[in-house]
Amino acid sequence: MSLNPGASLRVSPFSERGFYLSELRDRSIAIVGGVRELRNRAALEPVLKDLEANRTRVVLISDRAEALEPLLAIDVLKADELATLPGRAWQQLGRSLRVGIVIDPRPAFGAACREIVLALGIRKLVWVDPAGGLVRKSGERESFVDVEVLRARIGGARQRSDPSEILVEIEAMLSAGVSAVNLCTADGVADELFTYNGSGTLFTSRNYVDVRRLGLDDFDAAADLIERGMTEEYLAPRSPEQIERVLASGFGAFVGGNHLAGIGTLLMYSSARAAEIACLYTLTRFLGEGVGGHLVRFASETAKRDGYAYLFACTTSERVIAFFGRNGFRCIDADTLPAEKWRDYDPARRANVRCLRRDL
């Protein structure tokens, strides 16, 4: 099921790329990497053109001028006088939205990059590395790590052996004021910056997950997640008008303050003192990151605070049933739920739906 782009729900068509580009408009971003990584023009040039069209200023940093020159229309700057570098970079960015800075190769690469990024006051950085982002022992990619988790990981690595230089430098950047660092391969930069799924690991300086009510500025991204959930048949089909009502009472889990990781809504049945957690959907990228549990916790706390006796959910997905079971829900008969729940409900879907309950 697709929403009608002309319906009142949307002011303009939504796209993932546009959503992420809007966060970077009129801001500066640093992209750092060695000569081999930044020489991958086929992967990087389209990203740079998108950022340029978006009025995003890009500072490219490497230890070899020849890695930077093919990506620039102006001369490469040398990071020999750190005190004057911000002014020189500003002048260059007045002529081009891309500036390249070559660092002295003798110190540690990460430490030199950190000095430059902090001197320029850049708050978002993409670190291009051939190994890409972090991978769990299970082989799954680790999409998001906040600074507290990163510190614990580095501390554990120090007890066993020397921790990764990249992780140490990323932690130092986040601690010193950089808001976010994306670690990915050159081929994965576009997906990491412009898609929900990403390709590497995003390290953030803020708390890992924050759950709050959806605001008007969140509706486009939230509606897109609902469409995805309906397409994948995790969510029941809803009309544009029904989706508008869901958004009005919806809440979202935000990673790093602004990345919408998952959504849900609470539907209240006052006469039965029951609340339904509905439209619960978490992006694939965030599976295993605990986002779904944060959403359920927010729903439970809200319903309990408002005096409801129990929370329930309905689904046709075995994976979702298992998820709710891990979060304290038990399977119940559908007939025990408020009759209002089934008014105008699709009979074919009801025949397959499973219901779960958690007492508050």
Protein backbone atom coordinates (compact mmCIF):
# COMPACT_ATOMS: atom_id res chain seq x y z
CA MET A 1 0.00 0.00 0.00
CA SER A 2 1.33 3.45 -0.88
CA LEU A 3 0.30 6.86 0.27
CA ASN A 4 -0.98 9.30 -2.29
CA PRO A 5 1.76 11.98 -2.61
CA GLY A 6 -0.99 14.54 -3.17
CA ALA A 7 -2.82 13.67 0.03
CA SER A 8 -2.83 16.16 2.89
CA LEU A 9 -0.35 14.00 4.80
CA ARG A 10 2.57 15.09 2.63
CA VAL A 11 3.67 18.58 1.72
CA SER A 12 6.21 17.17 -0.75
CA PRO A 13 7.44 13.68 -1.69
CA PHE A 14 9.73 12.21 0.95
CA SER A 15 13.06 10.51 0.28
CA GLU A 16 15.71 9.10 2.58
CA ARG A 17 18.44 10.97 0.72
CA GLY A 18 16.56 14.26 1.01
CA PHE A 19 15.92 13.65 4.70
CA TYR A 20 19.60 13.19 5.50
CA LEU A 21 20.76 15.95 3.17
CA SER A 22 18.45 18.40 4.93
CA GLU A 23 20.36 17.74 8.17
CA LEU A 24 23.62 18.69 6.44
CA ARG A 25 22.45 21.74 4.52
CA ASP A 26 24.56 24.86 5.11
CA ARG A 27 26.82 22.92 7.47
CA SER A 28 30.36 21.57 7.28
CA ILE A 29 31.41 17.94 7.22
CA ALA A 30 34.90 16.40 7.21
CA ILE A 31 35.86 13.31 5.21
CA VAL A 32 39.20 11.77 6.19
CA GLY A 33 41.10 8.84 4.75
CA GLY A 34 44.35 7.53 3.39
CA VAL A 35 45.47 7.83 -0.20
CA ARG A 36 43.98 4.49 -1.27
CA GLU A 37 40.57 5.28 0.14
CA LEU A 38 40.23 8.83 -1.19
CA ARG A 39 41.47 7.82 -4.63
CA ASN A 40 38.18 5.96 -5.10
CA ARG A 41 36.66 8.79 -7.14
CA ALA A 42 33.91 6.60 -8.57
CA ALA A 43 32.46 6.22 -5.07
CA LEU A 44 33.27 9.65 -3.62
CA GLU A 45 32.61 12.08 -6.48
CA PRO A 46 28.82 11.48 -6.62
CA VAL A 47 28.62 11.99 -2.85
CA LEU A 48 30.60 15.23 -3.08
CA LYS A 49 28.37 16.50 -5.88
CA ASP A 50 25.26 15.76 -3.82
CA LEU A 51 26.73 17.60 -0.85
CA GLU A 52 27.79 20.51 -3.05
CA ALA A 53 24.28 20.84 -4.51
CA ASN A 54 23.00 20.75 -0.92
CA ARG A 55 25.25 23.70 0.07
CA THR A 56 27.21 21.45 2.42
CA ARG A 57 30.84 22.46 2.92
CA VAL A 58 33.23 19.50 2.72
CA VAL A 59 36.71 19.40 4.26
CA LEU A 60 38.74 16.51 2.82
CA ILE A 61 41.74 15.44 4.93
CA SER A 62 44.52 13.04 4.02
CA ASP A 63 48.27 12.57 4.48
CA ARG A 64 48.98 12.73 0.75
CA ALA A 65 48.20 15.69 -1.52
CA GLU A 66 47.77 13.38 -4.52
CA ALA A 67 44.80 11.75 -2.76
CA LEU A 68 43.03 15.11 -2.53
CA GLU A 69 43.91 16.98 -5.72
CA PRO A 70 41.66 14.98 -8.11
CA LEU A 71 38.65 15.81 -5.90
CA LEU A 72 39.30 19.57 -5.79
CA ALA A 73 39.06 22.56 -8.06
CA ILE A 74 41.45 24.64 -5.91
CA ASP A 75 44.85 24.15 -4.29
CA VAL A 76 45.33 21.82 -1.33
CA LEU A 77 46.07 23.50 1.99
CA LYS A 78 48.90 22.38 4.24
CA ALA A 79 48.20 21.91 7.93
CA ASP A 80 51.58 23.36 8.89
CA GLU A 81 50.28 26.34 10.89
CA LEU A 82 47.24 25.21 12.86
CA ALA A 83 46.56 28.70 14.22
CA THR A 84 45.96 30.14 10.74
CA LEU A 85 44.28 27.07 9.25
CA PRO A 86 40.65 28.03 10.07
CA GLY A 87 41.03 31.39 8.33
CA ARG A 88 42.71 29.88 5.29
CA ALA A 89 40.08 27.13 5.03
CA TRP A 90 37.30 29.71 5.30
CA GLN A 91 38.79 31.74 2.46
CA GLN A 92 39.05 28.63 0.29
CA LEU A 93 35.45 27.63 1.05
CA GLY A 94 34.38 31.07 -0.13
CA ARG A 95 35.59 30.05 -3.59
CA SER A 96 34.61 26.37 -3.54
CA LEU A 97 32.47 24.20 -1.28
CA ARG A 98 35.31 21.67 -1.13
CA VAL A 99 38.64 22.22 0.54
CA GLY A 100 41.48 19.74 0.93
CA ILE A 101 43.95 19.69 3.80
CA VAL A 102 47.09 17.57 3.75
CA ILE A 103 48.55 16.61 7.12
CA ASP A 104 52.11 15.85 8.14
CA PRO A 105 52.47 12.06 7.72
CA ARG A 106 54.91 11.71 10.62
CA PRO A 107 52.51 11.89 13.61
CA ALA A 108 49.74 9.32 14.06
CA PHE A 109 47.16 9.83 11.31
CA GLY A 110 44.13 9.86 13.61
CA ALA A 111 45.61 12.31 16.08
CA ALA A 112 46.55 14.72 13.28
CA CYS A 113 43.03 14.53 11.82
CA ARG A 114 41.55 15.16 15.25
CA GLU A 115 43.66 18.30 15.68
CA ILE A 116 42.42 19.72 12.40
CA VAL A 117 38.75 18.85 12.93
CA LEU A 118 38.77 20.42 16.38
CA ALA A 119 40.63 23.51 15.14
CA LEU A 120 37.98 24.00 12.45
CA GLY A 121 35.10 23.32 14.83
CA ILE A 122 33.58 20.62 12.60
CA ARG A 123 31.00 18.51 14.40
CA LYS A 124 30.46 15.66 11.91
CA LEU A 125 33.16 13.50 10.36
CA VAL A 126 33.26 10.53 7.99
CA TRP A 127 36.31 8.30 8.52
CA VAL A 128 36.93 6.24 5.37
CA ASP A 129 38.75 3.02 6.21
CA PRO A 130 39.17 -0.18 4.17
CA ALA A 131 37.91 -2.30 7.07
CA GLY A 132 34.65 -0.33 7.30
CA GLY A 133 32.51 -0.26 10.43
CA LEU A 134 32.47 -2.55 13.46
CA VAL A 135 31.29 -6.14 13.19
CA ARG A 136 30.01 -8.31 16.03
CA LYS A 137 31.31 -11.82 16.68
CA SER A 138 28.10 -13.09 15.08
CA GLY A 139 29.14 -11.40 11.83
CA GLU A 140 26.41 -8.74 12.02
CA ARG A 141 27.35 -5.12 11.49
CA GLU A 142 27.20 -2.87 14.54
CA SER A 143 25.36 0.17 13.27
CA PHE A 144 25.44 2.56 16.23
CA VAL A 145 27.71 3.05 19.22
CA ASP A 146 27.49 5.93 21.67
CA VAL A 147 30.51 7.37 23.44
CA GLU A 148 29.86 5.59 26.76
CA VAL A 149 29.71 2.18 25.07
CA LEU A 150 32.82 3.08 23.09
CA ARG A 151 34.73 4.02 26.26
CA ALA A 152 33.81 0.72 27.89
CA ARG A 153 34.96 -1.16 24.81
CA ILE A 154 38.30 0.66 24.71
CA GLY A 155 38.79 0.05 28.43
CA GLY A 156 38.20 -3.67 27.97
CA ALA A 157 40.58 -3.75 24.98
CA ARG A 158 43.29 -2.07 27.06
CA GLN A 159 43.05 -4.84 29.64
CA ARG A 160 43.48 -7.52 26.97
CA SER A 161 45.75 -5.78 24.44
CA ASP A 162 46.19 -2.47 22.65
CA PRO A 163 42.84 -1.10 21.43
CA SER A 164 42.30 0.01 17.84
CA GLU A 165 43.89 3.40 17.11
CA ILE A 166 40.81 4.37 15.13
CA LEU A 167 38.48 3.70 18.08
CA VAL A 168 40.76 5.59 20.47
CA GLU A 169 40.81 8.61 18.16
CA ILE A 170 37.05 8.50 17.56
CA GLU A 171 36.48 8.49 21.33
CA ALA A 172 38.85 11.46 21.70
CA MET A 173 36.97 13.35 18.98
CA LEU A 174 33.58 12.70 20.55
CA SER A 175 34.85 13.67 24.00
CA ALA A 176 36.30 16.92 22.62
CA GLY A 177 33.09 18.11 20.97
CA VAL A 178 32.57 16.29 17.67
CA SER A 179 28.93 15.16 17.60
CA ALA A 180 29.14 12.19 15.25
CA VAL A 181 31.70 10.07 13.41
CA ASN A 182 30.73 7.67 10.63
CA LEU A 183 33.21 4.84 10.02
CA CYS A 184 32.79 3.09 6.65
CA THR A 185 34.49 2.09 3.41
CA ALA A 186 34.80 4.43 0.43
CA ASP A 187 32.22 2.40 -1.50
CA GLY A 188 29.85 2.68 1.45
CA VAL A 189 29.99 6.46 2.05
CA ALA A 190 26.81 7.22 0.07
CA ASP A 191 24.76 4.54 1.86
CA GLU A 192 26.18 5.51 5.26
CA LEU A 193 25.32 9.19 4.82
CA PHE A 194 22.08 9.06 2.85
CA THR A 195 20.15 5.87 3.71
CA TYR A 196 18.41 4.36 6.70
CA ASN A 197 20.30 1.08 6.35
CA GLY A 198 23.75 2.65 6.24
CA SER A 199 26.91 0.69 5.53
CA GLY A 200 29.21 1.20 8.52
CA THR A 201 29.07 2.33 12.15
CA LEU A 202 27.85 5.68 13.45
CA PHE A 203 29.52 6.81 16.70
CA THR A 204 27.67 9.51 18.62
CA SER A 205 28.48 11.77 21.55
CA ARG A 206 24.90 11.74 22.82
CA ASN A 207 22.91 9.10 24.64
CA TYR A 208 22.31 6.03 22.54
CA VAL A 209 18.50 6.10 22.27
CA ASP A 210 16.00 8.80 23.18
CA VAL A 211 12.26 8.07 22.92
CA ARG A 212 9.83 10.97 22.63
CA ARG A 213 6.53 11.96 21.10
CA LEU A 214 6.68 12.65 17.37
CA GLY A 215 6.65 16.29 16.35
CA LEU A 216 5.51 17.76 13.05
CA ASP A 217 9.07 17.76 11.71
CA ASP A 218 9.28 13.99 12.31
CA PHE A 219 6.11 13.07 10.41
CA ASP A 220 7.66 12.62 6.95
CA ALA A 221 10.26 10.14 8.17
CA ALA A 222 7.74 8.37 10.43
CA ALA A 223 5.19 8.02 7.62
CA ASP A 224 7.90 6.53 5.44
CA LEU A 225 8.64 3.92 8.12
CA ILE A 226 4.95 3.05 8.34
CA GLU A 227 4.84 2.51 4.57
CA ARG A 228 7.88 0.23 4.81
CA GLY A 229 6.27 -1.77 7.61
CA MET A 230 3.07 -2.19 5.61
CA THR A 231 5.01 -3.24 2.49
CA GLU A 232 6.89 -5.85 4.51
CA GLU A 233 3.54 -6.94 6.06
CA TYR A 234 4.76 -6.36 9.61
CA LEU A 235 2.12 -3.64 9.98
CA ALA A 236 -1.58 -3.79 9.15
CA PRO A 237 -2.67 -1.80 6.07
CA ARG A 238 -3.80 1.73 6.90
CA SER A 239 -5.38 4.50 4.86
CA PRO A 240 -3.72 7.95 4.68
CA GLU A 241 -6.31 9.24 7.17
CA GLN A 242 -5.53 6.41 9.60
CA ILE A 243 -1.81 7.10 9.26
CA GLU A 244 -2.42 10.75 10.09
CA ARG A 245 -4.12 9.66 13.33
CA VAL A 246 -1.24 7.31 14.13
CA LEU A 247 1.30 10.09 13.67
CA ALA A 248 -0.69 12.42 15.92
CA SER A 249 -0.37 9.98 18.83
CA GLY A 250 2.93 8.44 17.79
CA PHE A 251 6.34 8.30 19.43
CA GLY A 252 9.76 7.60 18.02
CA ALA A 253 13.15 6.27 19.08
CA PHE A 254 15.92 8.63 18.01
CA VAL A 255 19.55 7.57 17.90
CA GLY A 256 22.13 10.28 18.37
CA GLY A 257 19.40 12.87 18.81
CA ASN A 258 18.07 12.95 15.24
CA HIS A 259 18.22 9.55 13.52
CA LEU A 260 14.71 8.06 13.64
CA ALA A 261 15.30 4.39 14.41
CA GLY A 262 11.78 3.17 15.12
CA ILE A 263 8.22 4.26 15.77
CA GLY A 264 5.11 3.21 17.63
CA THR A 265 1.78 4.59 18.80
CA LEU A 266 -0.57 4.08 21.73
CA LEU A 267 -4.28 3.56 21.08
CA MET A 268 -6.40 3.97 24.21
CA TYR A 269 -9.55 1.99 25.09
CA SER A 270 -10.70 3.87 28.16
CA SER A 271 -13.74 1.74 28.98
CA ALA A 272 -11.55 -1.37 29.28
CA ARG A 273 -8.59 0.48 30.84
CA ALA A 274 -6.52 -1.02 28.04
CA ALA A 275 -3.90 0.52 25.75
CA GLU A 276 -2.72 -0.98 22.49
CA ILE A 277 0.84 -0.54 21.28
CA ALA A 278 0.37 -0.35 17.53
CA CYS A 279 2.34 0.46 14.40
CA LEU A 280 5.54 -0.68 16.14
CA TYR A 281 8.30 -0.78 13.55
CA THR A 282 12.08 -0.68 13.81
CA LEU A 283 14.41 -0.19 10.88
CA THR A 284 16.46 -3.23 9.89
CA ARG A 285 19.63 -1.28 10.61
CA PHE A 286 18.65 -1.04 14.27
CA LEU A 287 17.71 -4.67 14.87
CA GLY A 288 19.79 -5.93 17.75
CA GLU A 289 20.43 -2.41 19.03
CA GLY A 290 17.69 -2.49 21.69
CA VAL A 291 15.54 0.16 19.99
CA GLY A 292 12.35 -1.92 20.08
CA GLY A 293 12.72 -2.46 23.81
CA HIS A 294 13.03 1.29 24.36
CA LEU A 295 9.80 1.85 22.43
CA VAL A 296 7.90 -0.76 24.46
CA ARG A 297 9.25 0.68 27.71
CA PHE A 298 8.08 4.17 26.73
CA ALA A 299 4.62 2.83 25.83
CA SER A 300 4.33 0.88 29.09
CA GLU A 301 5.40 3.82 31.24
CA THR A 302 3.01 6.17 29.44
CA ALA A 303 0.02 3.80 29.73
CA LYS A 304 0.73 3.06 33.40
CA ARG A 305 1.09 6.77 34.20
CA ASP A 306 -2.29 7.42 32.58
CA GLY A 307 -3.99 4.77 34.71
CA TYR A 308 -4.39 1.90 32.25
CA ALA A 309 -4.41 -1.67 33.55
CA TYR A 310 -2.71 -3.46 30.70
CA LEU A 311 -0.97 -3.05 27.37
CA PHE A 312 -1.66 -5.28 24.39
CA ALA A 313 -0.40 -5.81 20.87
CA CYS A 314 -1.57 -7.71 17.78
CA THR A 315 0.58 -9.11 14.99
CA THR A 316 0.79 -11.80 12.32
CA SER A 317 4.61 -12.03 12.48
CA GLU A 318 6.32 -14.82 14.42
CA ARG A 319 9.40 -12.62 14.81
CA VAL A 320 7.29 -9.87 16.37
CA ILE A 321 5.56 -12.38 18.66
CA ALA A 322 8.97 -13.52 19.90
CA PHE A 323 10.02 -9.90 20.43
CA PHE A 324 6.98 -9.13 22.58
CA GLY A 325 7.53 -12.36 24.52
CA ARG A 326 11.04 -11.16 25.41
CA ASN A 327 9.50 -7.92 26.64
CA GLY A 328 7.08 -9.43 29.15
CA PHE A 329 4.00 -10.08 26.99
CA ARG A 330 2.00 -13.32 27.00
CA CYS A 331 -0.29 -14.69 24.30
CA ILE A 332 -4.03 -14.25 24.90
CA ASP A 333 -7.31 -14.99 23.14
CA ALA A 334 -8.34 -12.22 20.74
CA ASP A 335 -11.89 -12.28 22.14
CA THR A 336 -10.62 -11.01 25.52
CA LEU A 337 -9.64 -7.68 23.99
CA PRO A 338 -11.98 -4.66 23.83
CA ALA A 339 -14.71 -5.18 21.20
CA GLU A 340 -13.87 -1.74 19.80
CA LYS A 341 -10.52 -3.10 18.66
CA TRP A 342 -12.21 -5.32 16.06
CA ARG A 343 -14.64 -2.76 14.67
CA ASP A 344 -14.00 -2.43 10.90
CA TYR A 345 -11.02 -4.80 11.22
CA ASP A 346 -10.14 -6.88 8.15
CA PRO A 347 -11.68 -10.35 8.77
CA ALA A 348 -8.95 -12.13 6.77
CA ARG A 349 -6.22 -10.51 8.84
CA ARG A 350 -8.06 -11.17 12.10
CA ALA A 351 -8.15 -14.89 11.28
CA ASN A 352 -4.33 -14.91 11.32
CA VAL A 353 -3.60 -12.32 13.97
CA ARG A 354 -2.03 -13.22 17.33
CA CYS A 355 -2.65 -11.11 20.42
CA LEU A 356 -0.35 -10.50 23.38
CA ARG A 357 -0.85 -8.79 26.72
CA ARG A 358 1.36 -7.25 29.41
CA ASP A 359 -0.19 -6.23 32.75
CA LEU A 360 0.91 -2.85 34.10
